[in-house]
């Protein structure tokens, strides 16, 4: 009966997030109608489950790309409420953490990572700008800034808490022995080799959010303090994206504003391109620290950048052509968050592997005392169980972009521009609205996808 139950578990499996994520299949084909439908259905189905937040984030991004800004903000609002609830809980959900020791980290509630929280507020701000409600965009950008400030301290607290829990575990000696095994450490390091050349952004800072903060407070300034805030944001962007000429020009532009010069008629372009990294997994055998156990293993997450994207956007206006420049590499933003989280993931995953190994040993011993056959069957059964639950937490917001790029130029007299991706793969003509300061927001999911264009009047 034990073997039948365990084999059934193995057959149905503990599915990873990537196995379950049907949204990304439609998303990568630029089929927004089906991406929205599947994301909404899945988010509603998981509304009270452990994956509620991640599915609402996917839903919010899909609705936003489809131009459904109010619906998008409702989805993001639901995700934010749940994130805030988790953040305000003073006590650890001990039952959940204990349960994860006998299964995997994917069984814990997804509470939202630092970059999730920051991008949620950033997207909500953009949605409000698209809806012509800048007064509602302002608090979202303020909230995004505060999240970036809080994230470093919050992560340090999580690391310290996880290490303290591992030290207090009754199997702490075995956990420490496994953690210090050179072979295991080498294999874990191999999972992050593709993260060694990330752009060196400050921890938990998204340069695009900082840029949007500067752009908003420059164009919607209520007083000099807003202009000073805009200047500080643009200054930070020039430090994080030193090769971006437009960021330097924006800094000079806000300086002129501070000195009383008016903003000239200007069109800003934001280009959101590609898809964010997805998470995979690498299964690693844990050094044998418990005898008479057939299998002790752990699955660690990996981060896999996506390569199919338009590398730039050319904007033609009034006889001149400009190419967008990188302001934020989301591979780096997400990759740095991944590296910062890794010590926590490693400690919890190894602790869970050891606890499952010790529990398997106890079960095997008890069965062996009844009969040799019983002991053999129990060893097989515990091995099947551990193999079945040995999966990494692959949950990650897959509908985020790979990069944000920017450019700006004097609005041409005829207010007509042309947008084109390299090689002329995608080309579209746009007539700029009647604002003094306009924002053209362009999204490209992959090289073959059509350009999605939204206009926002900033002034």
Protein backbone atom coordinates (compact mmCIF):
# COMPACT_ATOMS: atom_id res chain seq x y z
CA UNK A 1 0.00 0.00 0.00
CA UNK A 2 2.89 2.35 0.84
CA UNK A 3 4.57 1.69 -2.48
CA UNK A 4 1.33 2.18 -4.39
CA UNK A 5 0.74 5.54 -2.70
CA UNK A 6 4.30 6.72 -3.26
CA UNK A 7 4.34 5.60 -6.88
CA UNK A 8 1.10 7.51 -7.36
CA UNK A 9 2.79 10.59 -5.91
CA UNK A 10 5.70 10.16 -8.29
CA UNK A 11 3.39 9.67 -11.26
CA UNK A 12 1.32 12.80 -10.56
CA UNK A 13 4.49 14.53 -9.45
CA UNK A 14 5.21 17.79 -7.71
CA UNK A 15 4.94 20.01 -10.74
CA UNK A 16 7.26 22.99 -10.95
CA UNK A 17 6.01 26.47 -11.76
CA UNK A 18 7.40 26.26 -15.28
CA UNK A 19 5.47 23.01 -15.81
CA UNK A 20 2.26 24.75 -14.73
CA UNK A 21 2.82 28.07 -16.49
CA UNK A 22 0.72 28.05 -19.64
CA UNK A 23 0.60 31.84 -19.74
CA UNK A 24 4.19 32.14 -20.94
CA UNK A 25 3.48 29.88 -23.92
CA UNK A 26 0.92 32.35 -25.29
CA UNK A 27 2.97 35.33 -24.14
CA UNK A 28 6.04 34.28 -26.12
CA UNK A 29 3.84 33.94 -29.22
CA UNK A 30 2.45 37.46 -28.59
CA UNK A 31 -1.02 35.94 -28.29
CA UNK A 32 -2.19 38.45 -25.69
CA UNK A 33 -5.86 37.45 -25.86
CA UNK A 34 -5.13 33.91 -24.74
CA UNK A 35 -2.37 35.03 -22.37
CA UNK A 36 -4.88 37.27 -20.58
CA UNK A 37 -7.56 34.56 -20.53
CA UNK A 38 -5.27 31.86 -19.14
CA UNK A 39 -3.61 34.22 -16.65
CA UNK A 40 -6.99 35.40 -15.36
CA UNK A 41 -8.38 31.88 -15.09
CA UNK A 42 -5.28 30.61 -13.29
CA UNK A 43 -5.11 33.61 -10.95
CA UNK A 44 -8.76 33.22 -9.99
CA UNK A 45 -8.31 29.48 -9.45
CA UNK A 46 -5.33 30.09 -7.14
CA UNK A 47 -6.77 33.18 -5.45
CA UNK A 48 -6.44 31.72 -1.94
CA UNK A 49 -3.52 29.36 -2.52
CA UNK A 50 0.21 29.57 -1.98
CA UNK A 51 0.79 30.85 -5.54
CA UNK A 52 -1.83 33.61 -5.44
CA UNK A 53 0.65 36.50 -5.70
CA UNK A 54 2.73 35.19 -8.60
CA UNK A 55 -0.34 34.47 -10.72
CA UNK A 56 -1.79 37.94 -10.03
CA UNK A 57 1.51 39.46 -11.15
CA UNK A 58 1.40 37.46 -14.39
CA UNK A 59 -2.23 38.48 -14.87
CA UNK A 60 -1.51 42.15 -14.22
CA UNK A 61 1.34 42.24 -16.74
CA UNK A 62 -0.69 40.43 -19.42
CA UNK A 63 -3.65 42.79 -18.96
CA UNK A 64 -1.33 45.79 -19.08
CA UNK A 65 0.28 44.65 -22.35
CA UNK A 66 -3.22 44.21 -23.76
CA UNK A 67 -4.13 47.80 -22.91
CA UNK A 68 -6.54 46.86 -20.10
CA UNK A 69 -5.03 49.25 -17.59
CA UNK A 70 -7.83 49.37 -15.04
CA UNK A 71 -8.12 45.59 -14.94
CA UNK A 72 -4.33 45.38 -14.70
CA UNK A 73 -4.28 47.66 -11.68
CA UNK A 74 -7.00 45.60 -10.00
CA UNK A 75 -4.86 42.48 -10.41
CA UNK A 76 -1.78 44.32 -9.11
CA UNK A 77 -3.82 45.71 -6.22
CA UNK A 78 -4.81 42.19 -5.16
CA UNK A 79 -1.17 41.09 -5.33
CA UNK A 80 -0.03 44.13 -3.36
CA UNK A 81 -2.59 43.56 -0.61
CA UNK A 82 -1.32 40.02 -0.16
CA UNK A 83 2.31 41.17 -0.20
CA UNK A 84 1.53 43.77 2.46
CA UNK A 85 -0.29 41.18 4.57
CA UNK A 86 2.77 38.93 4.55
CA UNK A 87 5.07 41.84 5.37
CA UNK A 88 2.95 42.83 8.37
CA UNK A 89 2.79 39.36 9.88
CA UNK A 90 4.99 39.46 12.93
CA UNK A 91 5.22 35.70 13.46
CA UNK A 92 6.68 33.09 11.14
CA UNK A 93 4.18 30.63 9.76
CA UNK A 94 5.84 27.77 11.58
CA UNK A 95 3.52 25.09 10.21
CA UNK A 96 4.36 26.03 6.64
CA UNK A 97 8.10 26.11 7.24
CA UNK A 98 7.94 22.73 8.97
CA UNK A 99 5.91 21.29 6.11
CA UNK A 100 8.46 22.54 3.61
CA UNK A 101 11.18 20.60 5.44
CA UNK A 102 9.39 17.41 4.42
CA UNK A 103 8.65 18.55 0.86
CA UNK A 104 10.34 21.57 -0.80
CA UNK A 105 10.51 25.37 -0.86
CA UNK A 106 7.97 25.52 -3.68
CA UNK A 107 5.34 24.50 -1.13
CA UNK A 108 5.76 27.75 0.81
CA UNK A 109 3.57 30.76 0.09
CA UNK A 110 5.03 32.97 -2.62
CA UNK A 111 5.32 36.33 -0.84
CA UNK A 112 6.87 38.36 -3.67
CA UNK A 113 10.52 39.18 -4.20
CA UNK A 114 11.98 42.67 -3.88
CA UNK A 115 11.98 43.32 -7.63
CA UNK A 116 8.37 42.06 -7.86
CA UNK A 117 7.25 44.68 -5.36
CA UNK A 118 9.20 47.45 -7.09
CA UNK A 119 7.95 46.56 -10.58
CA UNK A 120 4.37 46.18 -9.34
CA UNK A 121 4.32 49.81 -8.18
CA UNK A 122 6.21 50.92 -11.30
CA UNK A 123 3.65 49.28 -13.59
CA UNK A 124 0.76 50.68 -11.56
CA UNK A 125 2.24 54.16 -11.98
CA UNK A 126 2.52 53.63 -15.75
CA UNK A 127 -1.05 52.34 -15.89
CA UNK A 128 -2.29 55.48 -14.16
CA UNK A 129 -0.30 57.67 -16.55
CA UNK A 130 -1.86 55.81 -19.49
CA UNK A 131 -5.29 56.45 -17.94
CA UNK A 132 -4.50 60.17 -17.58
CA UNK A 133 -4.41 60.06 -13.77
CA UNK A 134 -0.97 61.39 -12.75
CA UNK A 135 -2.18 62.16 -9.21
CA UNK A 136 -2.54 58.41 -8.66
CA UNK A 137 0.81 57.64 -10.29
CA UNK A 138 2.67 59.82 -7.78
CA UNK A 139 2.11 57.62 -4.65
CA UNK A 140 3.00 54.50 -6.63
CA UNK A 141 6.42 55.92 -7.50
CA UNK A 142 6.95 57.02 -3.91
CA UNK A 143 6.06 53.49 -2.78
CA UNK A 144 8.45 51.95 -5.32
CA UNK A 145 11.27 54.16 -4.04
CA UNK A 146 10.59 53.14 -0.44
CA UNK A 147 10.55 49.45 -1.36
CA UNK A 148 14.05 49.81 -2.80
CA UNK A 149 15.22 51.44 0.43
CA UNK A 150 13.72 48.71 2.63
CA UNK A 151 14.83 45.69 0.61
CA UNK A 152 18.49 45.55 1.72
CA UNK A 153 17.66 45.55 5.41
CA UNK A 154 14.81 43.06 4.93
CA UNK A 155 17.06 40.60 3.11
CA UNK A 156 19.73 40.76 5.82
CA UNK A 157 17.09 39.98 8.42
CA UNK A 158 15.91 36.97 6.41
CA UNK A 159 19.45 35.61 6.10
CA UNK A 160 20.10 35.98 9.82
CA UNK A 161 16.78 34.35 10.69
CA UNK A 162 17.36 31.40 8.36
CA UNK A 163 20.86 30.81 9.72
CA UNK A 164 19.59 30.96 13.31
CA UNK A 165 16.83 28.43 12.55
CA UNK A 166 19.33 26.05 10.93
CA UNK A 167 21.62 26.33 13.98
CA UNK A 168 18.73 25.50 16.31
CA UNK A 169 17.62 22.50 14.26
CA UNK A 170 18.21 19.21 16.10
CA UNK A 171 20.05 18.00 12.97
CA UNK A 172 22.21 21.14 12.80
CA UNK A 173 25.48 19.17 12.82
CA UNK A 174 24.43 17.16 9.77
CA UNK A 175 23.19 20.32 8.03
CA UNK A 176 26.50 22.08 8.64
CA UNK A 177 28.45 19.06 7.42
CA UNK A 178 26.47 18.96 4.19
CA UNK A 179 26.82 22.74 3.68
CA UNK A 180 30.58 22.59 4.05
CA UNK A 181 31.10 19.70 1.65
CA UNK A 182 33.49 20.94 -1.10
CA UNK A 183 31.83 18.88 -3.83
CA UNK A 184 28.40 20.24 -2.99
CA UNK A 185 29.68 23.82 -2.86
CA UNK A 186 31.33 23.40 -6.26
CA UNK A 187 28.12 22.14 -7.83
CA UNK A 188 26.11 24.99 -6.34
CA UNK A 189 28.59 27.55 -7.65
CA UNK A 190 28.17 26.08 -11.12
CA UNK A 191 24.51 27.12 -11.02
CA UNK A 192 25.47 30.81 -10.88
CA UNK A 193 28.32 31.01 -13.41
CA UNK A 194 26.06 32.82 -15.89
CA UNK A 195 25.50 35.55 -13.29
CA UNK A 196 29.14 36.55 -12.91
CA UNK A 197 29.01 39.34 -15.50
CA UNK A 198 25.88 41.13 -14.36
CA UNK A 199 25.80 44.91 -14.50
CA UNK A 200 26.82 46.15 -11.04
CA UNK A 201 23.61 47.89 -9.96
CA UNK A 202 23.14 48.72 -6.29
CA UNK A 203 21.34 45.96 -4.40
CA UNK A 204 17.59 45.88 -5.07
CA UNK A 205 17.66 49.01 -7.23
CA UNK A 206 15.89 49.01 -10.58
CA UNK A 207 17.35 51.82 -12.71
CA UNK A 208 14.20 52.00 -14.83
CA UNK A 209 12.06 52.73 -11.79
CA UNK A 210 14.54 55.42 -10.78
CA UNK A 211 14.43 56.88 -14.31
CA UNK A 212 10.62 56.93 -14.36
CA UNK A 213 10.69 58.63 -10.96
CA UNK A 214 12.91 61.37 -12.41
CA UNK A 215 10.79 61.77 -15.53
CA UNK A 216 7.55 62.01 -13.59
CA UNK A 217 8.72 64.46 -10.93
CA UNK A 218 10.37 66.62 -13.60
CA UNK A 219 7.27 66.87 -15.78
CA UNK A 220 4.66 66.90 -13.00
CA UNK A 221 6.60 69.02 -10.51
CA UNK A 222 4.40 70.74 -7.94
CA UNK A 223 7.31 72.65 -6.39
CA UNK A 224 11.09 72.86 -6.20
CA UNK A 225 11.30 69.80 -3.95
CA UNK A 226 9.84 67.71 -6.79
CA UNK A 227 12.46 69.10 -9.18
CA UNK A 228 15.20 68.31 -6.69
CA UNK A 229 13.84 64.79 -6.40
CA UNK A 230 13.86 64.47 -10.20
CA UNK A 231 17.44 65.72 -10.33
CA UNK A 232 18.56 63.20 -7.72
CA UNK A 233 16.87 60.37 -9.62
CA UNK A 234 18.45 61.33 -12.95
CA UNK A 235 21.80 61.66 -11.23
CA UNK A 236 21.48 58.12 -9.90
CA UNK A 237 20.54 56.86 -13.37
CA UNK A 238 23.66 58.41 -14.91
CA UNK A 239 25.73 56.54 -12.32
CA UNK A 240 24.03 53.20 -13.08
CA UNK A 241 23.89 53.73 -16.87
CA UNK A 242 26.98 55.87 -17.54
CA UNK A 243 26.95 55.13 -21.28
CA UNK A 244 23.40 56.37 -21.77
CA UNK A 245 23.54 59.82 -23.42
CA UNK A 246 19.83 60.52 -22.92
CA UNK A 247 20.08 60.14 -19.14
CA UNK A 248 22.83 62.77 -19.07
CA UNK A 249 20.70 65.08 -21.21
CA UNK A 250 17.75 64.56 -18.85
CA UNK A 251 19.93 65.60 -15.94
CA UNK A 252 20.90 68.77 -17.80
CA UNK A 253 17.24 69.35 -18.68
CA UNK A 254 16.07 69.25 -15.06
CA UNK A 255 18.96 71.54 -14.08
CA UNK A 256 17.68 74.12 -16.55
CA UNK A 257 14.19 73.76 -15.11
CA UNK A 258 15.50 74.37 -11.60
CA UNK A 259 17.06 77.59 -12.88
CA UNK A 260 13.74 78.79 -14.27
CA UNK A 261 13.95 77.75 -17.92
CA UNK A 262 10.77 76.11 -19.31
CA UNK A 263 10.65 72.61 -20.73
CA UNK A 264 10.80 72.61 -24.53
CA UNK A 265 8.31 70.51 -26.47
CA UNK A 266 9.80 67.04 -26.08
CA UNK A 267 8.84 63.46 -26.83
CA UNK A 268 10.23 60.70 -24.63
CA UNK A 269 10.33 57.07 -25.77
CA UNK A 270 10.50 54.07 -23.46
CA UNK A 271 11.23 50.73 -25.12
CA UNK A 272 10.40 47.58 -23.15
CA UNK A 273 11.90 44.57 -24.93
CA UNK A 274 12.22 40.82 -24.52
CA UNK A 275 11.36 38.50 -21.65
CA UNK A 276 12.83 38.26 -18.18
CA UNK A 277 14.88 35.24 -17.08
CA UNK A 278 13.02 32.10 -16.10
CA UNK A 279 13.98 29.69 -13.35
CA UNK A 280 15.06 26.14 -13.95
CA UNK A 281 16.49 23.62 -11.54
CA UNK A 282 19.58 21.53 -10.92
CA UNK A 283 19.27 18.36 -8.87
CA UNK A 284 22.29 17.66 -6.68
CA UNK A 285 23.05 14.62 -4.53
CA UNK A 286 23.66 15.51 -0.92
CA UNK A 287 26.76 13.87 0.65
CA UNK A 288 25.75 10.67 2.45
CA UNK A 289 25.27 11.75 6.03
CA UNK A 290 22.59 9.24 6.97
CA UNK A 291 23.10 5.51 6.57
CA UNK A 292 20.50 3.07 5.25
CA UNK A 293 18.87 5.77 3.16
CA UNK A 294 18.63 5.05 -0.55
CA UNK A 295 18.45 8.64 -1.75
CA UNK A 296 19.27 12.07 -0.36
CA UNK A 297 19.16 14.87 -2.87
CA UNK A 298 18.25 18.50 -3.26
CA UNK A 299 17.09 20.64 -6.15
CA UNK A 300 18.47 24.16 -6.42
CA UNK A 301 17.03 26.88 -8.68
CA UNK A 302 18.91 28.19 -11.68
CA UNK A 303 18.34 31.42 -13.59
CA UNK A 304 18.11 31.17 -17.37
CA UNK A 305 18.22 34.40 -19.45
CA UNK A 306 16.03 34.55 -22.55
CA UNK A 307 17.70 35.47 -25.83
CA UNK A 308 14.88 36.21 -28.30
CA UNK A 309 14.48 39.99 -28.16
CA UNK A 310 14.79 43.14 -30.26
CA UNK A 311 18.11 44.67 -29.16
CA UNK A 312 17.10 48.28 -29.88
CA UNK A 313 14.51 50.57 -31.41
CA UNK A 314 15.20 53.22 -34.04
CA UNK A 315 13.05 56.34 -33.91
CA UNK A 316 12.90 58.51 -37.03
CA UNK A 317 11.57 62.05 -36.66
CA UNK A 318 11.98 65.22 -38.76
CA UNK A 319 14.69 63.72 -40.93
CA UNK A 320 16.84 62.36 -38.11
CA UNK A 321 17.12 58.88 -36.62
CA UNK A 322 17.82 58.03 -33.00
CA UNK A 323 18.50 54.66 -31.39
CA UNK A 324 17.28 53.82 -27.92
CA UNK A 325 19.89 53.24 -25.22
CA UNK A 326 19.81 50.81 -22.32
CA UNK A 327 18.69 52.22 -18.98
CA UNK A 328 17.91 48.99 -17.08
CA UNK A 329 18.96 45.41 -17.71
CA UNK A 330 16.34 43.27 -15.98
CA UNK A 331 18.60 40.22 -16.29
CA UNK A 332 20.91 42.05 -13.89
CA UNK A 333 18.13 43.32 -11.61
CA UNK A 334 16.65 39.83 -11.26
CA UNK A 335 20.03 38.10 -11.27
CA UNK A 336 21.37 40.22 -8.41
CA UNK A 337 18.21 39.54 -6.42
CA UNK A 338 18.68 35.82 -7.16
CA UNK A 339 22.27 35.91 -5.88
CA UNK A 340 21.25 37.81 -2.74
CA UNK A 341 18.52 35.26 -2.02
CA UNK A 342 20.75 32.25 -2.71
CA UNK A 343 22.24 31.89 0.81
CA UNK A 344 18.72 31.58 2.21
CA UNK A 345 17.69 29.09 -0.49
CA UNK A 346 20.80 26.94 0.03
CA UNK A 347 20.40 26.79 3.80
CA UNK A 348 16.69 25.94 3.67
CA UNK A 349 17.10 23.39 0.88
CA UNK A 350 19.94 21.54 2.59
CA UNK A 351 18.07 21.60 5.92
CA UNK A 352 15.03 20.09 4.23
CA UNK A 353 17.14 17.40 2.54
CA UNK A 354 18.75 16.44 5.86
CA UNK A 355 15.42 16.35 7.72
CA UNK A 356 13.89 14.13 5.04
CA UNK A 357 16.96 11.90 5.16
CA UNK A 358 16.78 11.52 8.94
CA UNK A 359 13.04 10.82 8.77
CA UNK A 360 13.64 8.21 6.05
CA UNK A 361 16.32 6.59 8.19
CA UNK A 362 13.92 6.34 11.15
CA UNK A 363 11.20 4.82 8.97
CA UNK A 364 13.60 2.35 7.38
CA UNK A 365 14.93 1.26 10.79
CA UNK A 366 11.44 0.72 12.16
CA UNK A 367 10.41 -1.33 9.14
CA UNK A 368 13.61 -3.40 9.24
CA UNK A 369 12.87 -4.42 12.80
CA UNK A 370 9.58 -5.92 11.61
CA UNK A 371 11.06 -7.89 8.70
CA UNK A 372 13.82 -7.79 6.11
CA UNK A 373 11.26 -7.48 3.31
CA UNK A 374 9.51 -4.69 5.14
CA UNK A 375 12.79 -2.84 5.53
CA UNK A 376 13.59 -3.24 1.84
CA UNK A 377 10.17 -2.03 0.74
CA UNK A 378 10.37 0.94 3.08
CA UNK A 379 13.79 1.93 1.69
CA UNK A 380 12.36 1.81 -1.82
CA UNK A 381 9.30 3.77 -0.74
CA UNK A 382 11.21 6.53 1.04
CA UNK A 383 13.52 6.83 -1.97
CA UNK A 384 10.53 7.25 -4.28
CA UNK A 385 9.02 9.88 -2.01
CA UNK A 386 12.20 11.93 -1.75
CA UNK A 387 12.74 11.80 -5.50
CA UNK A 388 9.15 12.93 -6.09
CA UNK A 389 9.35 15.98 -3.83
CA UNK A 390 12.89 16.93 -4.86
CA UNK A 391 12.05 20.00 -6.95
CA UNK A 392 13.29 23.57 -6.77
CA UNK A 393 11.16 26.65 -6.38
CA UNK A 394 10.90 27.85 -9.99
CA UNK A 395 8.33 30.56 -9.34
CA UNK A 396 9.30 33.85 -10.95
CA UNK A 397 7.45 36.67 -12.76
CA UNK A 398 7.93 35.53 -16.36
CA UNK A 399 6.02 38.33 -18.12
CA UNK A 400 8.53 40.99 -17.09
CA UNK A 401 10.81 42.29 -19.88
CA UNK A 402 14.48 41.69 -20.47
CA UNK A 403 15.45 45.35 -20.86
CA UNK A 404 14.19 48.92 -20.63
CA UNK A 405 15.66 51.42 -23.09
CA UNK A 406 15.04 55.13 -23.60
CA UNK A 407 15.50 58.05 -25.95
CA UNK A 408 14.02 61.52 -26.36
CA UNK A 409 13.97 64.28 -28.98
CA UNK A 410 12.29 67.60 -29.77
CA UNK A 411 8.75 66.92 -30.90
CA UNK A 412 8.75 67.35 -34.72
CA UNK A 413 6.49 70.06 -36.20
CA UNK A 414 4.36 67.51 -38.08
CA UNK A 415 4.23 65.31 -34.91
CA UNK A 416 4.92 62.20 -36.98
CA UNK A 417 7.54 59.57 -36.14
CA UNK A 418 8.45 56.08 -37.30
CA UNK A 419 9.49 53.24 -34.99
CA UNK A 420 11.59 50.38 -36.34
CA UNK A 421 13.42 47.36 -34.92
CA UNK A 422 16.79 46.24 -36.38
CA UNK A 423 16.61 44.83 -39.87
CA UNK A 424 13.19 46.37 -40.42
CA UNK A 425 11.57 43.34 -38.77
CA UNK A 426 8.90 45.53 -37.21
CA UNK A 427 7.97 49.03 -38.32
CA UNK A 428 5.15 51.34 -37.28
CA UNK A 429 4.21 54.99 -37.84
CA UNK A 430 2.91 57.05 -34.95
CA UNK A 431 1.31 60.49 -34.76
CA UNK A 432 2.20 62.17 -31.48
CA UNK A 433 -0.61 63.63 -29.39
CA UNK A 434 -1.12 67.30 -28.60
CA UNK A 435 0.83 67.51 -25.33
CA UNK A 436 3.91 69.65 -24.75
CA UNK A 437 5.65 66.68 -23.14
CA UNK A 438 4.63 63.26 -24.46
CA UNK A 439 5.70 59.73 -23.64
CA UNK A 440 5.60 57.02 -26.30
CA UNK A 441 5.74 53.62 -24.59
CA UNK A 442 6.72 50.75 -26.91
CA UNK A 443 6.69 47.08 -25.97
CA UNK A 444 8.23 44.18 -27.93
CA UNK A 445 7.98 40.65 -26.52
CA UNK A 446 10.36 39.06 -29.03
CA UNK A 447 11.95 39.69 -32.42
CA UNK A 448 8.90 38.55 -34.38
CA UNK A 449 6.22 40.17 -32.21
CA UNK A 450 4.40 43.31 -33.30
CA UNK A 451 5.25 46.56 -31.54
CA UNK A 452 2.69 47.54 -28.90
CA UNK A 453 2.48 51.34 -28.61
CA UNK A 454 0.85 53.49 -25.93
CA UNK A 455 0.93 57.28 -25.70
CA UNK A 456 0.88 59.22 -22.43
CA UNK A 457 0.56 62.99 -22.10
CA UNK A 458 2.93 64.12 -19.33
CA UNK A 459 2.39 67.88 -19.71
